[in-house]
Amino acid sequence: MANGFPKHSRLCGQERIAQLYKEGKRFTAWPLRVTYMPVGDPSSVMSHQVLVWAPKSLFKRAVKRNHLRRLMREAYRLHQDLLSSGPYLIAFNYMDKEEQSYAVIEKAVCKSLKKISGK
């Protein structure tokens, strides 16, 4: 599987995001809160769709928020092959008040992807 992160892999649209947060399951892999939900109709989605989010209430500077989102996307991009079963909608929400290193974020993303896939 290619390690890209194309447009169709990004979770967009208010309805889908609202549905994910309303009906999805949640768990914490510090410093991330992960919300996920299997897609009901696999024909509507080509692959897993991911949303990454760093809150403005914790990080006032856009540079820091963008940096954290970039780290989460990169960790997901490199380890997306850990998700073996059918398509999911996934949201990674950054919760810590301080910026963590890439190693910590990567470990949390790997742990969460393994938990979602049931490994």
C-alpha atoms as a PDB file:
ATOM      1  CA  MET A   1       0.000   0.000   0.000  1.00  0.00           C
ATOM      2  CA  ALA A   2       1.293   3.448  -0.867  1.00  0.00           C
ATOM      3  CA  ASN A   3       1.999   5.800   2.023  1.00  0.00           C
ATOM      4  CA  GLY A   4       0.254   8.814   0.528  1.00  0.00           C
ATOM      5  CA  PHE A   5      -2.432  10.950   2.135  1.00  0.00           C
ATOM      6  CA  PRO A   6      -4.600  12.058  -0.808  1.00  0.00           C
ATOM      7  CA  LYS A   7      -7.698  14.233  -0.659  1.00  0.00           C
ATOM      8  CA  HIS A   8     -10.133  11.299  -0.590  1.00  0.00           C
ATOM      9  CA  SER A   9      -8.478  10.114   2.662  1.00  0.00           C
ATOM     10  CA  ARG A  10      -9.357  13.338   4.480  1.00  0.00           C
ATOM     11  CA  LEU A  11     -12.622  13.514   6.375  1.00  0.00           C
ATOM     12  CA  CYS A  12     -14.614  16.502   5.121  1.00  0.00           C
ATOM     13  CA  GLY A  13     -18.200  17.637   5.392  1.00  0.00           C
ATOM     14  CA  GLN A  14     -20.158  18.754   8.426  1.00  0.00           C
ATOM     15  CA  GLU A  15     -22.672  15.906   8.209  1.00  0.00           C
ATOM     16  CA  ARG A  16     -20.061  13.126   8.233  1.00  0.00           C
ATOM     17  CA  ILE A  17     -18.061  14.792  11.004  1.00  0.00           C
ATOM     18  CA  ALA A  18     -21.196  15.317  13.120  1.00  0.00           C
ATOM     19  CA  GLN A  19     -22.216  11.699  12.538  1.00  0.00           C
ATOM     20  CA  LEU A  20     -18.755  10.492  13.595  1.00  0.00           C
ATOM     21  CA  TYR A  21     -18.800  12.450  16.854  1.00  0.00           C
ATOM     22  CA  LYS A  22     -22.403  11.461  17.573  1.00  0.00           C
ATOM     23  CA  GLU A  23     -22.261   7.728  16.803  1.00  0.00           C
ATOM     24  CA  GLY A  24     -18.556   6.898  16.994  1.00  0.00           C
ATOM     25  CA  LYS A  25     -16.629   5.134  19.729  1.00  0.00           C
ATOM     26  CA  ARG A  26     -13.975   7.046  21.694  1.00  0.00           C
ATOM     27  CA  PHE A  27     -10.818   6.192  23.556  1.00  0.00           C
ATOM     28  CA  THR A  28      -7.691   8.001  24.669  1.00  0.00           C
ATOM     29  CA  ALA A  29      -4.134   7.249  23.601  1.00  0.00           C
ATOM     30  CA  TRP A  30      -2.388  10.119  25.348  1.00  0.00           C
ATOM     31  CA  PRO A  31      -1.931  12.855  24.065  1.00  0.00           C
ATOM     32  CA  LEU A  32      -4.676  12.019  21.550  1.00  0.00           C
ATOM     33  CA  ARG A  33      -8.389  11.392  21.886  1.00  0.00           C
ATOM     34  CA  VAL A  34      -9.463   9.115  19.081  1.00  0.00           C
ATOM     35  CA  THR A  35     -13.004   8.836  17.770  1.00  0.00           C
ATOM     36  CA  TYR A  36     -13.735   6.188  15.163  1.00  0.00           C
ATOM     37  CA  MET A  37     -16.646   4.565  13.422  1.00  0.00           C
ATOM     38  CA  PRO A  38     -16.855   1.886  10.737  1.00  0.00           C
ATOM     39  CA  VAL A  39     -18.468   3.099   7.539  1.00  0.00           C
ATOM     40  CA  GLY A  40     -21.946   1.641   7.059  1.00  0.00           C
ATOM     41  CA  ASP A  41     -21.860   1.653   3.259  1.00  0.00           C
ATOM     42  CA  PRO A  42     -18.325   0.735   2.099  1.00  0.00           C
ATOM     43  CA  SER A  43     -19.135   1.664  -1.506  1.00  0.00           C
ATOM     44  CA  SER A  44     -19.526   5.326  -0.496  1.00  0.00           C
ATOM     45  CA  VAL A  45     -15.926   5.557   0.761  1.00  0.00           C
ATOM     46  CA  MET A  46     -12.826   4.379  -1.102  1.00  0.00           C
ATOM     47  CA  SER A  47     -10.566   4.141   1.964  1.00  0.00           C
ATOM     48  CA  HIS A  48     -10.296   5.232   5.575  1.00  0.00           C
ATOM     49  CA  GLN A  49     -11.035   8.915   6.134  1.00  0.00           C
ATOM     50  CA  VAL A  50      -9.156  10.843   8.793  1.00  0.00           C
ATOM     51  CA  LEU A  51      -9.647  14.170  10.576  1.00  0.00           C
ATOM     52  CA  VAL A  52      -6.801  15.715  12.601  1.00  0.00           C
ATOM     53  CA  TRP A  53      -7.517  18.514  15.027  1.00  0.00           C
ATOM     54  CA  ALA A  54      -5.565  20.696  17.459  1.00  0.00           C
ATOM     55  CA  PRO A  55      -7.752  23.095  19.451  1.00  0.00           C
ATOM     56  CA  LYS A  56      -7.376  26.846  19.339  1.00  0.00           C
ATOM     57  CA  SER A  57      -8.305  26.998  23.019  1.00  0.00           C
ATOM     58  CA  LEU A  58      -5.023  25.235  23.902  1.00  0.00           C
ATOM     59  CA  PHE A  59      -2.749  26.683  21.208  1.00  0.00           C
ATOM     60  CA  LYS A  60      -3.428  30.302  20.339  1.00  0.00           C
ATOM     61  CA  ARG A  61      -0.727  30.474  17.661  1.00  0.00           C
ATOM     62  CA  ALA A  62      -1.714  28.939  14.337  1.00  0.00           C
ATOM     63  CA  VAL A  63       1.901  27.914  13.758  1.00  0.00           C
ATOM     64  CA  LYS A  64       1.774  25.510  16.717  1.00  0.00           C
ATOM     65  CA  ARG A  65      -1.604  24.085  15.708  1.00  0.00           C
ATOM     66  CA  ASN A  66      -0.418  23.541  12.141  1.00  0.00           C
ATOM     67  CA  HIS A  67       2.767  21.883  13.393  1.00  0.00           C
ATOM     68  CA  LEU A  68       0.831  19.449  15.597  1.00  0.00           C
ATOM     69  CA  ARG A  69      -1.601  18.617  12.793  1.00  0.00           C
ATOM     70  CA  ARG A  70       1.329  18.023  10.460  1.00  0.00           C
ATOM     71  CA  LEU A  71       2.912  15.619  12.967  1.00  0.00           C
ATOM     72  CA  MET A  72      -0.345  13.676  13.414  1.00  0.00           C
ATOM     73  CA  ARG A  73      -0.919  13.432   9.654  1.00  0.00           C
ATOM     74  CA  GLU A  74       2.629  12.237   9.064  1.00  0.00           C
ATOM     75  CA  ALA A  75       2.383   9.571  11.769  1.00  0.00           C
ATOM     76  CA  TYR A  76      -0.921   8.355  10.311  1.00  0.00           C
ATOM     77  CA  ARG A  77       0.438   8.415   6.765  1.00  0.00           C
ATOM     78  CA  LEU A  78       3.404   6.228   7.670  1.00  0.00           C
ATOM     79  CA  HIS A  79       1.407   3.723   9.734  1.00  0.00           C
ATOM     80  CA  GLN A  80      -1.942   3.569   7.944  1.00  0.00           C
ATOM     81  CA  ASP A  81      -1.173   0.006   6.844  1.00  0.00           C
ATOM     82  CA  LEU A  82      -1.932  -1.098  10.446  1.00  0.00           C
ATOM     83  CA  LEU A  83      -5.630  -0.697   9.598  1.00  0.00           C
ATOM     84  CA  SER A  84      -6.501  -3.916   7.845  1.00  0.00           C
ATOM     85  CA  SER A  85     -10.277  -4.195   8.019  1.00  0.00           C
ATOM     86  CA  GLY A  86     -12.900  -2.218   6.068  1.00  0.00           C
ATOM     87  CA  PRO A  87     -13.096   1.581   5.876  1.00  0.00           C
ATOM     88  CA  TYR A  88     -13.353   3.718   9.001  1.00  0.00           C
ATOM     89  CA  LEU A  89     -13.977   7.355   9.792  1.00  0.00           C
ATOM     90  CA  ILE A  90     -11.323   8.429  12.302  1.00  0.00           C
ATOM     91  CA  ALA A  91     -10.714  11.675  14.202  1.00  0.00           C
ATOM     92  CA  PHE A  92      -7.476  12.398  16.056  1.00  0.00           C
ATOM     93  CA  ASN A  93      -7.936  15.209  18.607  1.00  0.00           C
ATOM     94  CA  TYR A  94      -4.851  16.587  20.348  1.00  0.00           C
ATOM     95  CA  MET A  95      -5.542  17.018  24.078  1.00  0.00           C
ATOM     96  CA  ASP A  96      -2.275  17.917  25.825  1.00  0.00           C
ATOM     97  CA  LYS A  97      -1.618  21.524  26.822  1.00  0.00           C
ATOM     98  CA  GLU A  98       2.025  21.274  25.755  1.00  0.00           C
ATOM     99  CA  GLU A  99       3.540  20.323  22.435  1.00  0.00           C
ATOM    100  CA  GLN A 100       4.829  16.760  22.432  1.00  0.00           C
ATOM    101  CA  SER A 101       7.608  15.371  20.260  1.00  0.00           C
ATOM    102  CA  TYR A 102       6.983  13.434  17.080  1.00  0.00           C
ATOM    103  CA  ALA A 103       8.013  10.170  18.797  1.00  0.00           C
ATOM    104  CA  VAL A 104       5.256  10.533  21.413  1.00  0.00           C
ATOM    105  CA  ILE A 105       2.617  11.394  18.811  1.00  0.00           C
ATOM    106  CA  GLU A 106       3.740   8.555  16.536  1.00  0.00           C
ATOM    107  CA  LYS A 107       3.521   6.060  19.397  1.00  0.00           C
ATOM    108  CA  ALA A 108      -0.006   7.236  20.250  1.00  0.00           C
ATOM    109  CA  VAL A 109      -1.137   7.028  16.601  1.00  0.00           C
ATOM    110  CA  CYS A 110       0.294   3.502  16.226  1.00  0.00           C
ATOM    111  CA  LYS A 111      -1.357   2.390  19.469  1.00  0.00           C
ATOM    112  CA  SER A 112      -4.711   3.796  18.381  1.00  0.00           C
ATOM    113  CA  LEU A 113      -4.574   2.266  14.894  1.00  0.00           C
ATOM    114  CA  LYS A 114      -3.796  -1.131  16.390  1.00  0.00           C
ATOM    115  CA  LYS A 115      -6.698  -0.781  18.803  1.00  0.00           C
ATOM    116  CA  ILE A 116      -9.095   0.213  16.013  1.00  0.00           C
ATOM    117  CA  SER A 117      -8.096  -2.731  13.834  1.00  0.00           C
ATOM    118  CA  GLY A 118      -8.311  -5.122  16.789  1.00  0.00           C
ATOM    119  CA  LYS A 119      -4.675  -6.244  16.873  1.00  0.00           C
END
